[in-house]
Protein backbone atom coordinates (compact mmCIF):
# COMPACT_ATOMS: atom_id res chain seq x y z
CA MET A 1 -1.66 -32.76 -69.11
CA GLU A 2 -4.65 -34.57 -70.63
CA ARG A 3 -6.91 -33.44 -67.77
CA LEU A 4 -5.68 -29.86 -68.14
CA LEU A 5 -6.43 -29.88 -71.86
CA ALA A 6 -9.85 -31.44 -71.27
CA ILE A 7 -10.85 -28.75 -68.77
CA ASP A 8 -9.44 -26.07 -71.06
CA ALA A 9 -11.45 -27.43 -73.98
CA ALA A 10 -14.62 -27.54 -71.90
CA HIS A 11 -14.42 -24.16 -70.19
CA ALA A 12 -11.56 -21.82 -71.22
CA TRP A 13 -12.48 -19.24 -73.87
CA HIS A 14 -9.26 -18.14 -75.55
CA PRO A 15 -8.83 -14.78 -77.33
CA TYR A 16 -10.40 -14.44 -80.77
CA THR A 17 -11.56 -18.08 -80.80
CA SER A 18 -14.69 -20.17 -80.98
CA THR A 19 -15.71 -22.46 -78.12
CA ILE A 20 -16.97 -25.00 -80.69
CA ASP A 21 -14.48 -25.06 -83.56
CA ARG A 22 -11.36 -24.66 -81.45
CA ASP A 23 -7.77 -24.11 -82.49
CA PRO A 24 -5.16 -26.32 -80.82
CA VAL A 25 -3.56 -24.95 -77.66
CA TYR A 26 -0.13 -25.85 -76.34
CA PRO A 27 0.10 -26.33 -72.55
CA VAL A 28 3.03 -24.49 -70.95
CA ARG A 29 4.95 -25.71 -67.92
CA ALA A 30 7.38 -22.83 -67.50
CA ALA A 31 9.20 -20.03 -69.31
CA ALA A 32 12.66 -18.58 -68.83
CA GLY A 33 14.82 -16.26 -70.88
CA CYS A 34 13.56 -16.47 -74.46
CA GLU A 35 12.20 -20.00 -74.19
CA ILE A 36 8.74 -21.38 -73.45
CA GLU A 37 8.74 -24.92 -72.05
CA LEU A 38 5.73 -27.02 -72.97
CA MET A 39 4.38 -29.73 -70.69
CA ASP A 40 5.52 -32.42 -73.09
CA GLY A 41 9.12 -31.24 -72.62
CA ARG A 42 9.53 -29.32 -75.87
CA ARG A 43 11.17 -25.91 -75.69
CA LEU A 44 10.13 -23.15 -78.05
CA VAL A 45 12.13 -20.02 -78.83
CA ASP A 46 9.67 -17.18 -78.33
CA GLY A 47 9.32 -14.82 -81.29
CA MET A 48 6.31 -12.93 -79.90
CA ALA A 49 7.52 -11.63 -76.52
CA SER A 50 4.03 -12.63 -75.35
CA TRP A 51 2.23 -10.19 -77.63
CA TRP A 52 5.18 -7.80 -77.55
CA CYS A 53 5.39 -7.11 -73.82
CA ALA A 54 8.11 -9.45 -72.46
CA ILE A 55 11.05 -7.35 -73.66
CA HIS A 56 13.38 -8.82 -71.00
CA GLY A 57 12.26 -12.39 -71.61
CA TYR A 58 10.71 -14.57 -68.93
CA ASN A 59 11.48 -15.28 -65.29
CA HIS A 60 14.03 -12.47 -65.03
CA PRO A 61 15.72 -12.43 -61.61
CA ILE A 62 15.59 -8.63 -61.28
CA LEU A 63 11.88 -8.43 -62.05
CA ASN A 64 11.22 -11.48 -59.87
CA ALA A 65 12.99 -9.75 -56.98
CA ALA A 66 10.98 -6.56 -57.48
CA ALA A 67 7.75 -8.56 -57.38
CA SER A 68 8.77 -10.52 -54.28
CA GLU A 69 9.93 -7.44 -52.42
CA GLN A 70 6.72 -5.56 -53.16
CA LEU A 71 4.58 -8.55 -52.18
CA GLY A 72 6.19 -8.37 -48.76
CA ARG A 73 4.80 -4.85 -48.36
CA MET A 74 1.43 -4.83 -50.13
CA ALA A 75 0.01 -6.22 -53.36
CA HIS A 76 -2.64 -3.54 -53.74
CA VAL A 77 -4.20 -0.49 -52.18
CA MET A 78 -6.72 1.85 -53.75
CA PHE A 79 -5.31 4.94 -55.46
CA GLY A 80 -8.24 7.18 -54.53
CA GLY A 81 -7.03 9.37 -51.68
CA LEU A 82 -3.88 7.29 -51.18
CA THR A 83 -0.48 7.12 -52.83
CA HIS A 84 2.65 5.01 -52.50
CA ALA A 85 6.29 4.86 -53.53
CA PRO A 86 5.96 2.46 -56.49
CA ALA A 87 3.34 4.65 -58.19
CA VAL A 88 5.21 7.88 -57.49
CA GLY A 89 8.43 6.33 -58.73
CA LEU A 90 6.76 5.20 -61.94
CA VAL A 91 5.14 8.58 -62.56
CA GLU A 92 8.51 10.28 -62.04
CA ARG A 93 10.25 7.94 -64.48
CA LEU A 94 7.62 8.34 -67.17
CA VAL A 95 7.62 12.13 -67.00
CA ARG A 96 11.41 12.14 -67.21
CA LEU A 97 11.60 9.76 -70.18
CA THR A 98 8.73 10.96 -72.36
CA PRO A 99 8.60 14.24 -74.35
CA ALA A 100 8.77 17.34 -72.17
CA PRO A 101 5.19 18.63 -72.57
CA LEU A 102 3.82 15.46 -70.94
CA GLN A 103 3.69 16.26 -67.24
CA HIS A 104 0.73 14.33 -65.84
CA VAL A 105 0.39 10.55 -65.66
CA PHE A 106 -2.86 8.64 -65.27
CA LEU A 107 -2.10 5.04 -64.31
CA CYS A 108 -4.59 2.51 -65.63
CA ASP A 109 -5.20 -1.16 -66.22
CA SER A 110 -4.40 -2.14 -69.80
CA GLY A 111 -3.62 -0.80 -73.24
CA SER A 112 -7.25 -0.62 -74.32
CA VAL A 113 -8.15 1.22 -71.14
CA SER A 114 -5.27 3.62 -71.75
CA VAL A 115 -6.85 4.48 -75.11
CA GLU A 116 -10.28 4.87 -73.52
CA VAL A 117 -8.75 7.22 -70.95
CA ALA A 118 -7.00 9.23 -73.67
CA MET A 119 -10.20 9.64 -75.65
CA LYS A 120 -12.13 10.68 -72.56
CA MET A 121 -9.40 13.20 -71.75
CA ALA A 122 -9.71 14.70 -75.24
CA LEU A 123 -13.49 14.95 -74.94
CA GLN A 124 -13.36 16.52 -71.49
CA TYR A 125 -10.66 18.92 -72.67
CA GLN A 126 -12.77 20.19 -75.55
CA GLN A 127 -15.86 20.46 -73.35
CA ALA A 128 -13.91 22.43 -70.75
CA ALA A 129 -12.51 24.68 -73.48
CA GLY A 130 -16.04 25.52 -74.60
CA HIS A 131 -15.97 23.46 -77.81
CA THR A 132 -19.06 21.40 -77.00
CA ALA A 133 -19.54 20.13 -80.56
CA ARG A 134 -16.08 18.55 -80.71
CA VAL A 135 -16.95 14.95 -79.93
CA ARG A 136 -15.45 12.92 -82.79
CA PHE A 137 -11.98 11.61 -83.59
CA LEU A 138 -9.93 11.59 -86.77
CA THR A 139 -7.72 8.58 -87.38
CA VAL A 140 -6.20 6.56 -90.20
CA ARG A 141 -7.21 3.22 -91.63
CA SER A 142 -5.17 0.08 -90.87
CA GLY A 143 -4.91 1.17 -87.24
CA TYR A 144 -5.57 -0.89 -84.13
CA HIS A 145 -6.16 0.53 -80.65
CA GLY A 146 -7.76 -2.23 -78.60
CA ASP A 147 -10.94 -4.18 -77.97
CA THR A 148 -12.97 -1.90 -75.68
CA PHE A 149 -15.72 0.22 -77.21
CA ASP A 150 -14.25 3.64 -77.92
CA ALA A 151 -10.94 1.97 -78.78
CA MET A 152 -12.79 -0.21 -81.31
CA SER A 153 -14.32 2.86 -82.91
CA VAL A 154 -10.90 4.13 -84.03
CA CYS A 155 -9.66 0.75 -85.28
CA ASP A 156 -9.77 0.07 -89.01
CA PRO A 157 -13.51 -0.09 -89.84
CA VAL A 158 -13.14 -2.54 -92.74
CA ASN A 159 -10.15 -4.78 -92.11
CA GLY A 160 -10.26 -4.57 -88.33
CA MET A 161 -11.68 -7.30 -86.10
CA HIS A 162 -14.63 -5.27 -84.86
CA SER A 163 -17.04 -5.11 -87.82
CA LEU A 164 -19.69 -6.97 -85.81
CA PHE A 165 -20.09 -3.92 -83.57
CA GLU A 166 -20.18 -1.29 -86.32
CA ARG A 167 -23.81 -0.31 -85.72
CA VAL A 168 -23.26 0.56 -82.06
CA LEU A 169 -19.81 2.18 -82.23
CA PRO A 170 -19.32 5.95 -82.39
CA LYS A 171 -18.80 7.10 -85.97
CA GLN A 172 -15.31 8.50 -86.38
CA VAL A 173 -13.55 10.18 -89.32
CA PHE A 174 -11.10 8.00 -91.24
CA ALA A 175 -8.31 8.89 -93.66
CA ALA A 176 -6.27 6.51 -95.77
CA PRO A 177 -3.30 4.94 -93.97
CA PRO A 178 -0.03 6.85 -94.24
CA ALA A 179 1.40 6.09 -97.68
CA PRO A 180 5.11 6.99 -97.52
CA ALA A 181 7.36 4.22 -96.21
CA PHE A 182 9.55 4.70 -93.17
CA ASP A 183 12.60 5.83 -95.13
CA ALA A 184 10.65 7.95 -97.65
CA PRO A 185 9.81 11.68 -97.58
CA CYS A 186 6.23 12.82 -97.04
CA THR A 187 4.90 15.03 -99.84
CA ASP A 188 2.00 17.47 -99.81
CA ALA A 189 -0.02 14.86 -101.68
CA ASP A 190 0.66 12.26 -98.99
CA ILE A 191 -0.91 14.45 -96.31
CA ALA A 192 -3.58 16.12 -98.48
CA GLU A 193 -6.49 13.87 -97.50
CA VAL A 194 -5.83 14.23 -93.78
CA ALA A 195 -5.50 17.99 -94.17
CA ALA A 196 -8.79 18.17 -96.10
CA LEU A 197 -10.66 16.03 -93.58
CA MET A 198 -9.28 18.08 -90.72
CA GLN A 199 -10.40 21.28 -92.42
CA ARG A 200 -13.87 19.89 -93.18
CA HIS A 201 -14.50 18.42 -89.73
CA THR A 202 -12.60 20.82 -87.44
CA HIS A 203 -15.81 21.99 -85.78
CA GLU A 204 -16.65 18.46 -84.58
CA LEU A 205 -13.22 16.90 -83.96
CA ALA A 206 -11.79 16.57 -80.47
CA ALA A 207 -8.48 14.95 -81.43
CA VAL A 208 -6.47 12.93 -83.89
CA ILE A 209 -5.38 9.48 -82.72
CA LEU A 210 -2.97 7.06 -84.37
CA GLU A 211 -0.04 4.73 -83.76
CA PRO A 212 3.25 6.53 -84.41
CA ILE A 213 5.52 5.12 -87.14
CA VAL A 214 4.28 1.51 -86.82
CA GLN A 215 0.69 0.42 -87.34
CA GLY A 216 0.67 -2.80 -85.32
CA ALA A 217 -2.15 -5.32 -85.32
CA GLY A 218 -3.81 -3.48 -88.21
CA GLY A 219 -1.12 -4.70 -90.59
CA MET A 220 2.41 -4.10 -89.25
CA ARG A 221 2.90 -1.13 -91.59
CA PHE A 222 5.86 1.23 -91.13
CA TYR A 223 5.46 4.84 -92.26
CA SER A 224 7.47 8.03 -92.64
CA PRO A 225 8.36 10.10 -89.55
CA GLU A 226 7.82 13.19 -91.72
CA TYR A 227 4.15 12.23 -92.04
CA LEU A 228 3.85 12.30 -88.26
CA ALA A 229 5.61 15.67 -88.04
CA ARG A 230 3.26 17.16 -90.64
CA LEU A 231 0.28 15.76 -88.77
CA ARG A 232 1.46 17.42 -85.58
CA ALA A 233 1.59 20.77 -87.39
CA LEU A 234 -1.91 20.28 -88.78
CA CYS A 235 -3.29 19.53 -85.32
CA ASP A 236 -1.73 22.73 -84.00
CA ARG A 237 -3.21 24.72 -86.88
CA HIS A 238 -6.73 23.45 -86.20
CA GLY A 239 -6.62 23.40 -82.41
CA LEU A 240 -6.89 19.62 -82.19
CA LEU A 241 -5.20 17.39 -79.66
CA LEU A 242 -2.82 14.71 -80.93
CA ILE A 243 -3.08 11.34 -79.20
CA LEU A 244 -0.29 8.85 -79.89
CA ASP A 245 -0.85 5.18 -79.10
CA GLU A 246 2.61 3.85 -78.18
CA ILE A 247 1.29 0.74 -76.51
CA ALA A 248 3.11 -1.52 -78.97
CA THR A 249 6.00 0.78 -79.90
CA GLY A 250 7.00 2.21 -76.52
CA PHE A 251 10.17 1.23 -74.65
CA GLY A 252 12.53 0.69 -77.53
CA ARG A 253 10.77 -1.60 -79.99
CA THR A 254 11.42 0.64 -83.04
CA GLY A 255 14.99 1.60 -82.11
CA LYS A 256 13.93 4.76 -80.26
CA LEU A 257 12.67 4.71 -76.69
CA PHE A 258 9.36 6.02 -78.04
CA ALA A 259 8.45 5.93 -81.72
CA CYS A 260 7.44 9.59 -81.82
CA GLU A 261 11.13 10.42 -81.31
CA HIS A 262 11.74 9.39 -84.93
CA ALA A 263 9.69 12.46 -85.92
CA GLY A 264 10.99 14.76 -83.19
CA ILE A 265 7.49 15.63 -82.02
CA ALA A 266 5.47 15.39 -78.82
CA PRO A 267 1.81 14.41 -78.53
CA ASP A 268 -0.70 16.10 -76.26
CA ILE A 269 -1.70 12.69 -74.89
CA LEU A 270 0.39 9.50 -74.93
CA CYS A 271 -0.79 5.93 -74.35
CA LEU A 272 1.62 3.33 -72.94
CA GLY A 273 1.21 -0.33 -72.03
CA LYS A 274 2.52 -3.80 -72.95
CA ALA A 275 6.29 -3.51 -72.25
CA LEU A 276 5.63 -1.05 -69.41
CA THR A 277 5.62 -3.91 -66.89
CA GLY A 278 8.03 -6.16 -68.77
CA GLY A 279 5.26 -8.68 -69.45
CA TYR A 280 4.71 -9.53 -65.78
CA LEU A 281 1.37 -7.90 -65.00
CA THR A 282 -1.24 -5.90 -66.81
CA GLY A 283 -0.53 -2.20 -66.49
CA ALA A 284 -0.74 0.93 -68.60
CA ALA A 285 -0.46 4.69 -68.43
CA THR A 286 -1.95 7.70 -70.19
CA LEU A 287 0.21 10.82 -70.11
CA ALA A 288 -1.15 14.31 -70.73
CA SER A 289 0.39 17.70 -71.28
CA ALA A 290 0.15 20.37 -68.60
CA ASP A 291 -2.33 22.26 -70.80
CA VAL A 292 -4.63 19.26 -71.18
CA ALA A 293 -4.59 18.54 -67.45
CA ALA A 294 -5.13 22.18 -66.44
CA THR A 295 -7.96 22.74 -68.92
CA ILE A 296 -9.81 19.63 -67.74
CA SER A 297 -9.26 20.54 -64.10
CA ARG A 298 -10.60 24.09 -64.57
CA GLY A 299 -13.75 22.87 -66.31
CA GLU A 300 -16.85 21.15 -64.99
CA PRO A 301 -16.89 19.08 -62.81
CA GLY A 302 -13.33 20.12 -61.93
CA ALA A 303 -11.90 16.61 -62.17
CA PHE A 304 -11.11 13.98 -64.76
CA MET A 305 -13.92 11.44 -64.60
CA HIS A 306 -12.22 8.06 -64.62
CA GLY A 307 -10.95 5.81 -61.84
CA PRO A 308 -10.12 2.12 -62.30
CA THR A 309 -10.21 -0.08 -59.21
CA PHE A 310 -6.67 -1.31 -59.81
CA MET A 311 -5.29 2.07 -60.84
CA GLY A 312 -1.72 2.48 -59.61
CA ASN A 313 -1.51 -1.13 -58.45
CA PRO A 314 1.65 -1.21 -56.28
CA LEU A 315 2.79 -4.61 -57.52
CA ALA A 316 2.50 -3.62 -61.19
CA CYS A 317 4.16 -0.26 -60.52
CA ALA A 318 7.09 -1.85 -58.67
CA ILE A 319 7.72 -4.27 -61.52
CA ALA A 320 7.34 -1.46 -64.08
CA ASN A 321 9.98 0.57 -62.24
CA ALA A 322 12.34 -2.40 -62.22
CA SER A 323 11.64 -3.09 -65.90
CA ILE A 324 12.37 0.49 -66.94
CA ASP A 325 15.54 0.59 -64.85
CA LEU A 326 16.68 -2.73 -66.29
CA LEU A 327 16.08 -1.51 -69.84
CA LEU A 328 18.01 1.72 -69.30
CA SER A 329 20.87 -0.08 -67.54
CA ARG A 330 21.61 -2.12 -70.66
CA ASP A 331 22.68 -1.14 -74.15
CA TRP A 332 19.12 -1.60 -75.34
CA GLN A 333 19.76 0.45 -78.46
CA GLY A 334 22.63 -1.86 -79.39
CA GLU A 335 20.46 -4.90 -78.69
CA VAL A 336 17.64 -3.62 -80.89
CA ALA A 337 20.05 -2.59 -83.65
CA GLY A 338 21.56 -6.07 -83.57
CA ILE A 339 18.13 -7.68 -83.77
CA GLU A 340 17.23 -5.41 -86.69
CA ALA A 341 20.36 -6.39 -88.65
CA ARG A 342 19.79 -10.11 -88.03
CA LEU A 343 16.10 -9.89 -88.92
CA ARG A 344 16.96 -8.17 -92.21
CA ALA A 345 19.44 -10.88 -93.12
CA GLY A 346 17.43 -13.79 -91.73
CA LEU A 347 14.09 -12.96 -93.37
CA GLU A 348 15.48 -11.76 -96.70
CA PRO A 349 15.22 -15.20 -98.36
CA CYS A 350 11.43 -14.94 -98.09
CA ARG A 351 11.44 -11.98 -100.46
CA GLU A 352 12.11 -14.20 -103.47
CA LEU A 353 9.29 -16.64 -102.72
CA PRO A 354 6.15 -16.57 -104.84
CA GLY A 355 3.17 -15.40 -102.83
CA VAL A 356 5.26 -13.11 -100.63
CA ALA A 357 4.19 -9.48 -101.05
CA ASP A 358 6.82 -7.83 -98.86
CA VAL A 359 9.53 -8.34 -96.25
CA ARG A 360 10.12 -5.39 -93.95
CA VAL A 361 12.06 -4.75 -90.75
CA LEU A 362 12.22 -1.86 -88.29
CA GLY A 363 13.98 -2.14 -84.95
CA ALA A 364 13.02 -5.39 -83.27
CA ILE A 365 10.10 -6.00 -85.66
CA GLY A 366 10.36 -8.30 -88.67
CA VAL A 367 7.43 -8.87 -91.01
CA VAL A 368 6.80 -11.29 -93.89
CA GLU A 369 3.61 -10.24 -95.67
CA LEU A 370 1.94 -12.74 -97.99
CA THR A 371 -0.48 -12.07 -100.82
CA GLU A 372 -3.11 -14.36 -99.29
CA PRO A 373 -4.33 -14.93 -95.72
CA VAL A 374 -2.14 -17.23 -93.66
CA PRO A 375 -3.76 -20.50 -92.46
CA MET A 376 -2.80 -19.79 -88.88
CA ARG A 377 -3.36 -23.28 -87.49
CA ALA A 378 -1.21 -25.07 -90.04
CA VAL A 379 1.53 -22.45 -89.98
CA GLN A 380 1.64 -22.34 -86.19
CA GLN A 381 1.90 -26.13 -85.89
CA ALA A 382 4.71 -26.23 -88.44
CA LEU A 383 6.57 -23.55 -86.52
CA VAL A 384 6.10 -25.36 -83.20
CA GLU A 385 7.51 -28.50 -84.81
CA ARG A 386 10.62 -26.45 -85.61
CA GLY A 387 10.94 -25.36 -81.99
CA VAL A 388 9.68 -21.78 -82.22
CA TRP A 389 6.64 -19.87 -81.02
CA VAL A 390 5.25 -17.49 -83.65
CA ARG A 391 1.58 -16.57 -83.99
CA PRO A 392 0.66 -15.22 -87.46
CA PHE A 393 -2.42 -13.19 -88.25
CA GLY A 394 -4.10 -12.03 -91.42
CA ARG A 395 -1.55 -12.14 -94.23
CA LEU A 396 1.39 -11.68 -91.86
CA VAL A 397 4.03 -13.93 -90.34
CA TYR A 398 6.00 -11.62 -88.08
CA LEU A 399 8.59 -11.58 -85.30
CA MET A 400 8.77 -9.27 -82.28
CA PRO A 401 11.16 -11.12 -79.96
CA PRO A 402 12.45 -10.17 -76.51
CA PHE A 403 15.39 -7.77 -76.65
CA ILE A 404 17.63 -10.29 -74.87
CA ILE A 405 17.33 -12.89 -77.60
CA SER A 406 20.64 -14.47 -78.65
CA PRO A 407 21.88 -14.46 -82.25
CA GLU A 408 21.47 -18.24 -82.35
CA GLN A 409 17.88 -18.09 -81.13
CA LEU A 410 17.02 -15.35 -83.60
CA ALA A 411 18.60 -17.36 -86.41
CA GLN A 412 16.43 -20.33 -85.43
CA LEU A 413 13.33 -18.13 -85.57
CA CYS A 414 14.19 -16.67 -88.98
CA THR A 415 15.08 -20.06 -90.45
CA ALA A 416 11.84 -21.56 -89.20
CA VAL A 417 9.78 -18.70 -90.65
CA CYS A 418 11.52 -18.94 -94.02
CA GLU A 419 11.08 -22.72 -94.20
CA VAL A 420 7.41 -22.66 -93.21
CA VAL A 421 6.54 -19.78 -95.53
CA ALA A 422 8.26 -21.67 -98.36
CA GLU A 423 6.24 -24.80 -97.56
CA LEU A 424 3.06 -22.73 -97.44
CA VAL A 425 3.46 -20.92 -100.76
CA GLU A 426 4.60 -24.14 -102.46
CA GLY A 427 1.48 -25.97 -101.27
CA ARG A 428 3.29 -28.46 -99.03
CA LEU A 429 1.68 -27.45 -95.73
CA THR A 430 -1.28 -29.34 -94.25
CA ALA A 431 -3.52 -28.19 -91.41
CA PRO A 432 -3.71 -30.10 -88.10
CA PRO A 433 -7.09 -31.46 -86.97
CA ARG A 434 -9.36 -29.23 -84.90
CA ARG A 435 -10.08 -30.11 -81.30
């Protein structure tokens, strides 16, 4: 283990970290169910589902079997000019499960790439429709859509993690984040700024893009489904496409299979990722309506201009098919509802702590928001010492566990979060040394 950590420290560049002033890392030996086993023998209950994708937990026999069976056939073959059963099966499933207007599926590599593909689709659509000036996007603040360049341009420009690149990113149009809470109505005043911006910039806007119902890495904010429904109507009025980024919310996380179902609306373009492959392999999809696909295909050059090398990877598609089938074979709605009830009860004690701004829960998402930024290193170590894996960010300590988590495991997660937050706000938490 010491050699592994030494090589890691010398050469591995972890996400959002410095190579000089490094955060501690915890070496993993194995993972199964909802537990991560460290090399020193400790077992941690996973509250992150590996950045929200491992909805079935780890080392699942059904997904393992799908991977092994597909490996016996082929791990990869190019998707240009070829097709195969895993990709066709995945496309068929996604068209059947998503809102009816979405009839065409572009299989891609990752969530960020899915957003890039969606934005390119919107631009090509408007060009093909003769609206050559429509090259910008309207979005809302506190959003997050990924780390690639066009995706960065529609992330929150102030509180996002991409301010270093501001001078080279496309300049998009931003409205305030949706104000009404999930269970609140949306008034004319709540949508007025978006409506005004849409009116003012219609001539140059290609599409509106946002995360439906839950703004994820931009702040874990939950907003009113009525806001989303009103936004859909505004897009229709102004001839703008609506792109919904369901990378974090898709496949049941909010209590609906897709978060847009809370509002009863369909986007023109839909981005999927994360849970699509059950956390086994990188994989994503961008779905488009028949109108979007036909308009692009009738325009110049008569094709959509994107083609990732690993598009439609058979191994990822086979696992995605097994993951979707596994989800639908279980009472996933009952599982998520049970997680929601236990998160509400388990995190409620944090509400009374000084320095806690809010406690909120939706589906299998539980959030404790503090008034000040969380010292991630100290909080994470304290959580690991309590046998749980939770990775805070900003002012948030949050839980997005696998759907298969047991009541006992979820209770351990909630107890650990409440205890560590209490230690933090009472000034009893000390940071571990840097490595």
